[in-house]
N, C-alpha and C. Protein backbone atom coordinates (compact mmCIF):
# COMPACT_ATOMS: atom_id res chain seq x y z
N MET A 1 100.05 132.34 92.17
CA MET A 1 99.03 133.33 92.37
C MET A 1 98.78 134.04 91.05
N SER A 2 97.58 134.53 90.86
CA SER A 2 97.29 135.24 89.63
C SER A 2 98.12 136.51 89.59
N PRO A 3 98.46 136.96 88.39
CA PRO A 3 99.30 138.15 88.29
C PRO A 3 98.61 139.41 88.78
N THR A 4 97.27 139.43 88.87
CA THR A 4 96.59 140.64 89.28
C THR A 4 96.22 140.65 90.75
N GLY A 5 96.36 139.57 91.47
CA GLY A 5 96.01 139.56 92.89
C GLY A 5 94.51 139.66 93.07
N ILE A 6 94.06 140.29 94.14
CA ILE A 6 92.63 140.44 94.38
C ILE A 6 92.20 141.85 94.03
N HIS A 7 91.07 141.95 93.35
CA HIS A 7 90.50 143.23 92.96
C HIS A 7 91.51 144.07 92.17
N GLY A 8 92.34 143.42 91.34
CA GLY A 8 93.29 144.13 90.52
C GLY A 8 94.56 144.57 91.22
N LEU A 9 94.70 144.24 92.49
CA LEU A 9 95.87 144.64 93.25
C LEU A 9 97.00 143.65 93.01
N SER A 10 98.21 144.12 92.87
CA SER A 10 99.35 143.23 92.72
C SER A 10 99.49 142.36 93.96
N PRO A 11 99.67 141.05 93.80
CA PRO A 11 99.74 140.15 94.95
C PRO A 11 100.94 140.40 95.85
N THR A 12 101.93 141.09 95.37
CA THR A 12 103.10 141.34 96.20
C THR A 12 103.00 142.65 96.96
N GLU A 13 101.94 143.42 96.72
CA GLU A 13 101.84 144.72 97.36
C GLU A 13 101.14 144.66 98.70
N ARG A 14 99.84 144.69 98.73
CA ARG A 14 99.11 144.91 99.97
C ARG A 14 98.07 143.83 100.24
N MET A 15 98.44 142.60 100.17
CA MET A 15 97.54 141.50 100.44
C MET A 15 97.93 140.84 101.76
N ALA A 16 96.92 140.58 102.59
CA ALA A 16 97.14 139.86 103.85
C ALA A 16 96.32 138.59 103.83
N ILE A 17 96.87 137.55 104.41
CA ILE A 17 96.19 136.26 104.51
C ILE A 17 96.03 135.93 105.99
N VAL A 18 94.78 135.66 106.37
CA VAL A 18 94.45 135.35 107.75
C VAL A 18 93.83 133.96 107.81
N ALA A 19 94.38 133.10 108.65
CA ALA A 19 93.78 131.79 108.91
C ALA A 19 92.80 131.95 110.06
N VAL A 20 91.63 131.34 109.90
CA VAL A 20 90.55 131.44 110.88
C VAL A 20 90.25 130.02 111.36
N GLY A 21 90.14 129.84 112.68
CA GLY A 21 89.82 128.52 113.21
C GLY A 21 89.07 128.59 114.51
N SER A 22 88.31 127.53 114.79
CA SER A 22 87.58 127.41 116.04
C SER A 22 87.31 125.94 116.31
N ASN A 23 87.41 125.55 117.58
CA ASN A 23 87.01 124.18 117.96
C ASN A 23 86.36 124.17 119.35
N LEU A 24 85.72 125.27 119.69
CA LEU A 24 85.05 125.38 120.98
C LEU A 24 83.74 126.14 120.76
N GLY A 25 82.65 125.57 121.24
CA GLY A 25 81.34 126.21 121.05
C GLY A 25 80.83 125.99 119.64
N ASP A 26 80.06 126.94 119.14
CA ASP A 26 79.52 126.86 117.78
C ASP A 26 80.60 127.34 116.81
N SER A 27 81.46 126.42 116.41
CA SER A 27 82.63 126.79 115.61
C SER A 27 82.27 127.34 114.24
N LYS A 28 81.25 126.79 113.61
CA LYS A 28 80.85 127.32 112.30
C LYS A 28 80.43 128.78 112.43
N ALA A 29 79.60 129.07 113.41
CA ALA A 29 79.15 130.45 113.62
C ALA A 29 80.33 131.36 113.96
N ALA A 30 81.26 130.86 114.76
CA ALA A 30 82.43 131.67 115.13
C ALA A 30 83.25 132.04 113.91
N VAL A 31 83.45 131.09 113.01
CA VAL A 31 84.24 131.37 111.80
C VAL A 31 83.49 132.33 110.89
N LEU A 32 82.20 132.12 110.71
CA LEU A 32 81.41 133.03 109.86
C LEU A 32 81.38 134.44 110.44
N ASN A 33 81.24 134.55 111.75
CA ASN A 33 81.28 135.87 112.39
C ASN A 33 82.66 136.51 112.23
N ALA A 34 83.70 135.70 112.30
CA ALA A 34 85.06 136.22 112.12
C ALA A 34 85.25 136.74 110.69
N PHE A 35 84.66 136.08 109.71
CA PHE A 35 84.72 136.60 108.33
C PHE A 35 84.25 138.05 108.31
N ASP A 36 83.08 138.29 108.91
CA ASP A 36 82.51 139.64 108.91
C ASP A 36 83.40 140.61 109.68
N ALA A 37 83.92 140.18 110.81
CA ALA A 37 84.75 141.07 111.64
C ALA A 37 86.05 141.44 110.92
N VAL A 38 86.68 140.47 110.27
CA VAL A 38 87.93 140.74 109.54
C VAL A 38 87.64 141.65 108.36
N GLU A 39 86.56 141.36 107.65
CA GLU A 39 86.23 142.19 106.48
C GLU A 39 85.94 143.64 106.88
N SER A 40 85.36 143.83 108.07
CA SER A 40 85.03 145.18 108.50
C SER A 40 86.25 146.00 108.94
N LEU A 41 87.40 145.36 109.11
CA LEU A 41 88.59 146.08 109.56
C LEU A 41 88.97 147.22 108.63
N PHE A 42 88.84 147.00 107.34
CA PHE A 42 89.28 148.00 106.36
C PHE A 42 88.19 148.40 105.40
N ASP A 43 86.97 147.91 105.63
CA ASP A 43 85.83 148.27 104.79
C ASP A 43 86.12 147.99 103.31
N ARG A 44 86.74 146.85 103.07
CA ARG A 44 87.03 146.41 101.70
C ARG A 44 86.59 144.96 101.58
N PRO A 45 86.12 144.55 100.42
CA PRO A 45 85.71 143.14 100.26
C PRO A 45 86.89 142.20 100.43
N CYS A 46 86.60 141.02 100.94
CA CYS A 46 87.61 139.98 101.15
C CYS A 46 87.27 138.76 100.30
N LEU A 47 88.26 137.96 100.07
CA LEU A 47 88.04 136.62 99.54
C LEU A 47 87.96 135.69 100.74
N LYS A 48 86.95 134.81 100.75
CA LYS A 48 86.75 133.90 101.87
C LYS A 48 86.67 132.48 101.34
N SER A 49 87.41 131.59 101.95
CA SER A 49 87.35 130.18 101.55
C SER A 49 86.07 129.55 102.07
N SER A 50 85.85 128.33 101.65
CA SER A 50 84.83 127.49 102.26
C SER A 50 85.24 127.19 103.68
N LEU A 51 84.33 126.63 104.44
CA LEU A 51 84.66 126.12 105.77
C LEU A 51 85.19 124.71 105.62
N TRP A 52 86.18 124.38 106.43
CA TRP A 52 86.82 123.07 106.38
C TRP A 52 86.82 122.46 107.78
N GLU A 53 86.42 121.21 107.89
CA GLU A 53 86.55 120.50 109.16
C GLU A 53 87.91 119.82 109.14
N THR A 54 88.70 120.06 110.18
CA THR A 54 90.08 119.59 110.18
C THR A 54 90.46 118.92 111.49
N THR A 55 91.44 118.08 111.38
CA THR A 55 92.00 117.35 112.52
C THR A 55 92.81 118.30 113.38
N PRO A 56 92.64 118.26 114.70
CA PRO A 56 93.50 119.07 115.58
C PRO A 56 94.97 118.63 115.43
N VAL A 57 95.85 119.60 115.36
CA VAL A 57 97.28 119.33 115.20
C VAL A 57 98.01 119.90 116.41
N ASP A 58 98.84 119.06 117.05
CA ASP A 58 99.62 119.47 118.21
C ASP A 58 98.74 120.01 119.34
N CYS A 59 97.56 119.43 119.49
CA CYS A 59 96.61 119.83 120.53
C CYS A 59 96.56 118.76 121.62
N PRO A 60 96.02 119.13 122.79
CA PRO A 60 95.88 118.13 123.86
C PRO A 60 95.03 116.94 123.40
N PRO A 61 95.21 115.77 124.01
CA PRO A 61 94.43 114.59 123.64
C PRO A 61 92.93 114.87 123.71
N ASN A 62 92.18 114.25 122.82
CA ASN A 62 90.72 114.35 122.75
C ASN A 62 90.22 115.76 122.43
N SER A 63 91.05 116.57 121.81
CA SER A 63 90.60 117.90 121.39
C SER A 63 89.55 117.76 120.29
N PRO A 64 88.53 118.62 120.31
CA PRO A 64 87.51 118.55 119.26
C PRO A 64 88.08 118.95 117.90
N GLN A 65 87.37 118.51 116.85
CA GLN A 65 87.73 118.89 115.48
C GLN A 65 87.63 120.41 115.35
N PHE A 66 88.37 120.95 114.41
CA PHE A 66 88.33 122.38 114.12
C PHE A 66 87.46 122.66 112.91
N ILE A 67 86.95 123.86 112.87
CA ILE A 67 86.44 124.44 111.63
C ILE A 67 87.46 125.51 111.27
N ASN A 68 88.00 125.41 110.06
CA ASN A 68 89.03 126.34 109.59
C ASN A 68 88.62 126.97 108.28
N ALA A 69 89.24 128.10 107.99
CA ALA A 69 89.01 128.82 106.74
C ALA A 69 90.17 129.81 106.55
N ILE A 70 90.16 130.46 105.41
CA ILE A 70 91.14 131.48 105.08
C ILE A 70 90.40 132.73 104.59
N VAL A 71 90.90 133.89 104.99
CA VAL A 71 90.43 135.17 104.48
C VAL A 71 91.62 135.86 103.83
N VAL A 72 91.42 136.36 102.62
CA VAL A 72 92.44 137.13 101.92
C VAL A 72 91.89 138.53 101.75
N LEU A 73 92.65 139.53 102.19
CA LEU A 73 92.15 140.89 102.10
C LEU A 73 93.23 141.86 101.68
N GLU A 74 92.76 142.95 101.12
CA GLU A 74 93.65 144.05 100.80
C GLU A 74 93.78 144.93 102.04
N VAL A 75 94.98 145.39 102.30
CA VAL A 75 95.19 146.27 103.44
C VAL A 75 95.69 147.62 102.94
N PRO A 76 95.30 148.69 103.63
CA PRO A 76 95.75 150.02 103.21
C PRO A 76 97.26 150.17 103.34
N GLU A 77 97.80 151.08 102.57
CA GLU A 77 99.24 151.37 102.62
C GLU A 77 99.70 151.73 104.03
N SER A 78 98.83 152.36 104.80
CA SER A 78 99.22 152.81 106.14
C SER A 78 99.23 151.69 107.18
N GLU A 79 98.68 150.54 106.85
CA GLU A 79 98.58 149.44 107.82
C GLU A 79 99.91 148.71 107.96
N THR A 80 100.24 148.34 109.19
CA THR A 80 101.44 147.53 109.45
C THR A 80 101.00 146.14 109.89
N PRO A 81 101.86 145.16 109.74
CA PRO A 81 101.52 143.82 110.24
C PRO A 81 101.25 143.82 111.74
N GLU A 82 102.01 144.59 112.50
CA GLU A 82 101.84 144.63 113.94
C GLU A 82 100.47 145.22 114.32
N ALA A 83 100.06 146.27 113.63
CA ALA A 83 98.74 146.86 113.89
C ALA A 83 97.63 145.89 113.51
N MET A 84 97.82 145.19 112.41
CA MET A 84 96.80 144.22 112.00
C MET A 84 96.71 143.08 113.00
N LEU A 85 97.85 142.60 113.49
CA LEU A 85 97.84 141.55 114.50
C LEU A 85 97.06 141.99 115.73
N ALA A 86 97.27 143.20 116.17
CA ALA A 86 96.53 143.71 117.34
C ALA A 86 95.03 143.72 117.08
N LYS A 87 94.63 144.08 115.87
CA LYS A 87 93.21 144.08 115.52
C LYS A 87 92.65 142.66 115.51
N LEU A 88 93.41 141.72 114.99
CA LEU A 88 92.97 140.32 114.97
C LEU A 88 92.83 139.79 116.40
N GLN A 89 93.77 140.13 117.26
CA GLN A 89 93.70 139.67 118.65
C GLN A 89 92.51 140.29 119.39
N ARG A 90 92.14 141.50 119.01
CA ARG A 90 90.95 142.13 119.61
C ARG A 90 89.69 141.38 119.16
N ILE A 91 89.63 140.98 117.90
CA ILE A 91 88.48 140.20 117.40
C ILE A 91 88.40 138.89 118.16
N GLU A 92 89.55 138.22 118.36
CA GLU A 92 89.57 136.97 119.14
C GLU A 92 89.02 137.19 120.54
N SER A 93 89.50 138.22 121.18
CA SER A 93 89.07 138.52 122.55
C SER A 93 87.56 138.79 122.59
N ASP A 94 87.06 139.56 121.64
CA ASP A 94 85.63 139.86 121.58
C ASP A 94 84.80 138.60 121.38
N ALA A 95 85.41 137.58 120.77
CA ALA A 95 84.72 136.30 120.53
C ALA A 95 84.88 135.33 121.69
N GLY A 96 85.50 135.78 122.78
CA GLY A 96 85.63 134.94 123.97
C GLY A 96 86.95 134.21 124.10
N ARG A 97 87.91 134.48 123.24
CA ARG A 97 89.22 133.83 123.33
C ARG A 97 89.97 134.32 124.55
N ARG A 98 90.46 133.38 125.33
CA ARG A 98 91.29 133.70 126.49
C ARG A 98 92.66 133.05 126.28
N ARG A 99 93.69 133.84 126.37
CA ARG A 99 95.05 133.31 126.18
C ARG A 99 95.67 132.96 127.52
N GLY A 100 96.61 132.10 127.50
CA GLY A 100 97.39 131.77 128.68
C GLY A 100 96.96 130.47 129.30
N GLY A 101 96.88 129.47 129.05
CA GLY A 101 96.50 128.21 129.63
C GLY A 101 97.36 127.16 129.01
N ILE A 102 96.72 126.13 128.58
CA ILE A 102 97.40 124.99 127.96
C ILE A 102 97.69 125.34 126.49
N THR A 103 98.88 124.99 126.05
CA THR A 103 99.26 125.25 124.65
C THR A 103 98.31 124.51 123.71
N ASN A 104 97.81 125.24 122.74
CA ASN A 104 96.92 124.71 121.69
C ASN A 104 95.62 124.11 122.23
N GLU A 105 95.16 124.60 123.39
CA GLU A 105 93.90 124.11 123.93
C GLU A 105 92.75 124.56 123.03
N ALA A 106 91.57 123.96 123.25
CA ALA A 106 90.38 124.33 122.48
C ALA A 106 90.15 125.83 122.63
N ARG A 107 89.70 126.45 121.54
CA ARG A 107 89.50 127.90 121.57
C ARG A 107 88.29 128.29 120.72
N SER A 108 87.63 129.33 121.20
CA SER A 108 86.44 129.82 120.51
C SER A 108 86.78 130.45 119.17
N LEU A 109 87.95 131.05 119.07
CA LEU A 109 88.37 131.66 117.81
C LEU A 109 89.89 131.81 117.82
N ASP A 110 90.47 131.48 116.69
CA ASP A 110 91.91 131.64 116.49
C ASP A 110 92.10 132.32 115.15
N LEU A 111 92.75 133.48 115.16
CA LEU A 111 93.06 134.22 113.94
C LEU A 111 94.57 134.35 113.84
N ASP A 112 95.13 133.76 112.80
CA ASP A 112 96.58 133.81 112.60
C ASP A 112 96.89 134.60 111.34
N LEU A 113 97.76 135.58 111.47
CA LEU A 113 98.25 136.32 110.31
C LEU A 113 99.30 135.44 109.63
N ILE A 114 98.95 134.92 108.48
CA ILE A 114 99.81 133.97 107.77
C ILE A 114 100.85 134.72 106.94
N ALA A 115 100.40 135.74 106.24
CA ALA A 115 101.30 136.53 105.40
C ALA A 115 100.73 137.93 105.28
N PHE A 116 101.61 138.89 105.10
CA PHE A 116 101.24 140.29 104.96
C PHE A 116 102.13 140.87 103.88
N ALA A 117 101.58 141.01 102.67
CA ALA A 117 102.36 141.47 101.52
C ALA A 117 103.65 140.65 101.44
N GLU A 118 104.76 141.29 101.23
CA GLU A 118 106.05 140.59 101.18
C GLU A 118 106.83 140.79 102.48
N GLU A 119 106.12 141.21 103.54
CA GLU A 119 106.76 141.52 104.81
C GLU A 119 107.35 140.27 105.46
N ILE A 120 108.49 140.46 106.09
CA ILE A 120 109.14 139.41 106.87
C ILE A 120 109.37 139.98 108.27
N ARG A 121 108.97 139.22 109.26
CA ARG A 121 109.17 139.61 110.65
C ARG A 121 109.68 138.39 111.41
N ASN A 122 110.50 138.62 112.41
CA ASN A 122 110.98 137.53 113.26
C ASN A 122 111.15 138.05 114.68
N GLY A 123 110.05 138.54 115.24
CA GLY A 123 110.09 139.10 116.58
C GLY A 123 109.38 138.23 117.58
N PRO A 124 109.39 138.62 118.83
CA PRO A 124 108.75 137.82 119.87
C PRO A 124 107.22 137.79 119.74
N ALA A 125 106.63 138.86 119.21
CA ALA A 125 105.17 138.92 119.09
C ALA A 125 104.65 138.51 117.72
N LEU A 126 105.50 138.58 116.70
CA LEU A 126 105.03 138.32 115.34
C LEU A 126 106.16 137.75 114.48
N VAL A 127 105.85 136.64 113.83
CA VAL A 127 106.75 136.04 112.85
C VAL A 127 105.98 135.96 111.54
N LEU A 128 106.55 136.53 110.49
CA LEU A 128 105.94 136.50 109.15
C LEU A 128 106.96 136.07 108.14
N PRO A 129 106.54 135.25 107.17
CA PRO A 129 105.26 134.57 107.18
C PRO A 129 105.15 133.62 108.37
N HIS A 130 103.93 133.22 108.66
CA HIS A 130 103.71 132.32 109.81
C HIS A 130 104.65 131.13 109.67
N PRO A 131 105.38 130.78 110.73
CA PRO A 131 106.46 129.80 110.59
C PRO A 131 106.03 128.35 110.29
N ARG A 132 104.78 127.98 110.57
CA ARG A 132 104.36 126.60 110.32
C ARG A 132 103.22 126.48 109.31
N ALA A 133 102.76 127.60 108.78
CA ALA A 133 101.60 127.57 107.88
C ALA A 133 101.82 126.65 106.69
N HIS A 134 103.02 126.66 106.13
CA HIS A 134 103.29 125.87 104.94
C HIS A 134 103.36 124.37 105.23
N LEU A 135 103.25 123.99 106.50
CA LEU A 135 103.30 122.58 106.91
C LEU A 135 101.94 122.08 107.41
N ARG A 136 100.92 122.91 107.35
CA ARG A 136 99.63 122.61 107.97
C ARG A 136 98.52 122.46 106.94
N ARG A 137 97.94 121.29 106.89
CA ARG A 137 96.82 121.03 105.97
C ARG A 137 95.66 121.98 106.25
N PHE A 138 95.42 122.28 107.53
CA PHE A 138 94.28 123.13 107.88
C PHE A 138 94.45 124.57 107.39
N VAL A 139 95.67 124.97 107.06
CA VAL A 139 95.91 126.27 106.44
C VAL A 139 95.95 126.12 104.92
N LEU A 140 96.69 125.15 104.45
CA LEU A 140 96.92 125.03 103.01
C LEU A 140 95.68 124.64 102.23
N ALA A 141 94.84 123.74 102.75
CA ALA A 141 93.66 123.31 101.98
C ALA A 141 92.74 124.50 101.65
N PRO A 142 92.33 125.31 102.64
CA PRO A 142 91.50 126.46 102.26
C PRO A 142 92.27 127.53 101.47
N LEU A 143 93.56 127.67 101.71
CA LEU A 143 94.35 128.63 100.95
C LEU A 143 94.42 128.23 99.48
N VAL A 144 94.62 126.95 99.22
CA VAL A 144 94.70 126.46 97.84
C VAL A 144 93.36 126.67 97.11
N GLU A 145 92.27 126.57 97.86
CA GLU A 145 90.96 126.84 97.26
C GLU A 145 90.91 128.25 96.66
N LEU A 146 91.53 129.22 97.32
CA LEU A 146 91.50 130.60 96.87
C LEU A 146 92.69 130.99 96.00
N LEU A 147 93.89 130.60 96.43
CA LEU A 147 95.13 131.05 95.79
C LEU A 147 96.12 129.89 95.65
N PRO A 148 95.87 128.96 94.75
CA PRO A 148 96.75 127.79 94.67
C PRO A 148 98.20 128.12 94.35
N GLY A 149 98.43 129.21 93.65
CA GLY A 149 99.79 129.58 93.29
C GLY A 149 100.48 130.48 94.29
N PHE A 150 99.85 130.74 95.42
CA PHE A 150 100.46 131.62 96.42
C PHE A 150 101.75 131.02 96.95
N ARG A 151 102.74 131.88 97.10
CA ARG A 151 104.03 131.48 97.67
C ARG A 151 104.54 132.62 98.55
N ALA A 152 104.51 132.41 99.84
CA ALA A 152 104.97 133.43 100.79
C ALA A 152 106.49 133.51 100.75
N PRO A 153 107.05 134.64 101.17
CA PRO A 153 108.50 134.75 101.24
C PRO A 153 109.09 133.60 102.07
N GLY A 154 110.08 132.94 101.51
CA GLY A 154 110.75 131.85 102.21
C GLY A 154 110.11 130.49 102.05
N TRP A 155 108.91 130.41 101.51
CA TRP A 155 108.29 129.10 101.28
C TRP A 155 109.03 128.40 100.15
N PRO A 156 109.23 127.09 100.26
CA PRO A 156 109.97 126.38 99.22
C PRO A 156 109.17 126.13 97.95
N ASP A 157 107.85 126.36 97.98
CA ASP A 157 107.03 126.06 96.81
C ASP A 157 105.70 126.78 96.95
N THR A 158 104.82 126.59 95.96
CA THR A 158 103.48 127.19 96.02
C THR A 158 102.61 126.44 97.03
N ALA A 159 101.53 127.09 97.44
CA ALA A 159 100.60 126.46 98.38
C ALA A 159 100.07 125.13 97.84
N ALA A 160 99.72 125.09 96.57
CA ALA A 160 99.18 123.85 96.00
C ALA A 160 100.21 122.72 96.03
N ASN A 161 101.43 123.02 95.67
CA ASN A 161 102.47 121.98 95.68
C ASN A 161 102.83 121.55 97.10
N LEU A 162 102.84 122.49 98.03
CA LEU A 162 103.11 122.14 99.42
C LEU A 162 102.01 121.24 99.97
N LEU A 163 100.76 121.55 99.66
CA LEU A 163 99.64 120.72 100.12
C LEU A 163 99.75 119.32 99.55
N ALA A 164 100.09 119.21 98.29
CA ALA A 164 100.20 117.90 97.64
C ALA A 164 101.30 117.04 98.27
N LYS A 165 102.30 117.66 98.85
CA LYS A 165 103.42 116.92 99.44
C LYS A 165 103.21 116.54 100.90
N LEU A 166 102.15 117.05 101.54
CA LEU A 166 101.93 116.75 102.96
C LEU A 166 101.52 115.31 103.17
N PRO A 167 101.95 114.69 104.28
CA PRO A 167 101.45 113.36 104.61
C PRO A 167 99.94 113.43 104.83
N SER A 168 99.25 112.36 104.60
CA SER A 168 97.79 112.39 104.58
C SER A 168 97.13 112.07 105.92
N GLN A 169 97.86 111.97 107.02
CA GLN A 169 97.22 111.57 108.27
C GLN A 169 96.28 112.65 108.82
N ASP A 170 96.51 113.91 108.52
CA ASP A 170 95.62 114.97 108.99
C ASP A 170 94.48 115.15 108.00
N LYS A 171 93.26 115.25 108.52
CA LYS A 171 92.08 115.35 107.69
C LYS A 171 91.73 116.81 107.45
N ALA A 172 91.28 117.11 106.25
CA ALA A 172 90.71 118.41 105.92
C ALA A 172 89.55 118.15 104.96
N LEU A 173 88.34 118.30 105.46
CA LEU A 173 87.13 118.01 104.69
C LEU A 173 86.39 119.31 104.43
N ARG A 174 86.24 119.64 103.15
CA ARG A 174 85.51 120.86 102.77
C ARG A 174 84.04 120.69 103.10
N LEU A 175 83.45 121.66 103.79
CA LEU A 175 82.07 121.55 104.25
C LEU A 175 81.07 122.19 103.31
N ASP A 176 81.44 123.20 102.59
CA ASP A 176 80.45 123.85 101.72
C ASP A 176 81.03 124.19 100.38
């Protein structure tokens, strides 16, 4: 990661990374609307990746392709990862996301808190950094577009190096 982070902020201080995905309905519109909703949380500019069409991973058979992206934002000193997660879940709900059915079923919007500063959590509601993000092409490809040198606490390597080491069976095609 660059030594200055985003907007001059140190990357180890107050940066949050959110993975955005959709594979139900108008997925492109859902992801673009989620960009605006996430950015409005703190009234600060965000870095937004391109949209990526990706292979469903660990989803039911015949699941539609996903549209995925990454948002990187600065969070205020007063914000906690738990409060941010609640805000992300509210955005999902407002976009029509319903939880509780089949694991990894198609969804109108999925917002995952991948990392929050240098915070580490291992609770029932929140694990940080996200426990599988470093193994997922649909997270790493858009993340590398923005922050190739990013390395979350506990990750064995940078995002770019982790992406390069992934098996190639999962597709991630940059759309724009």
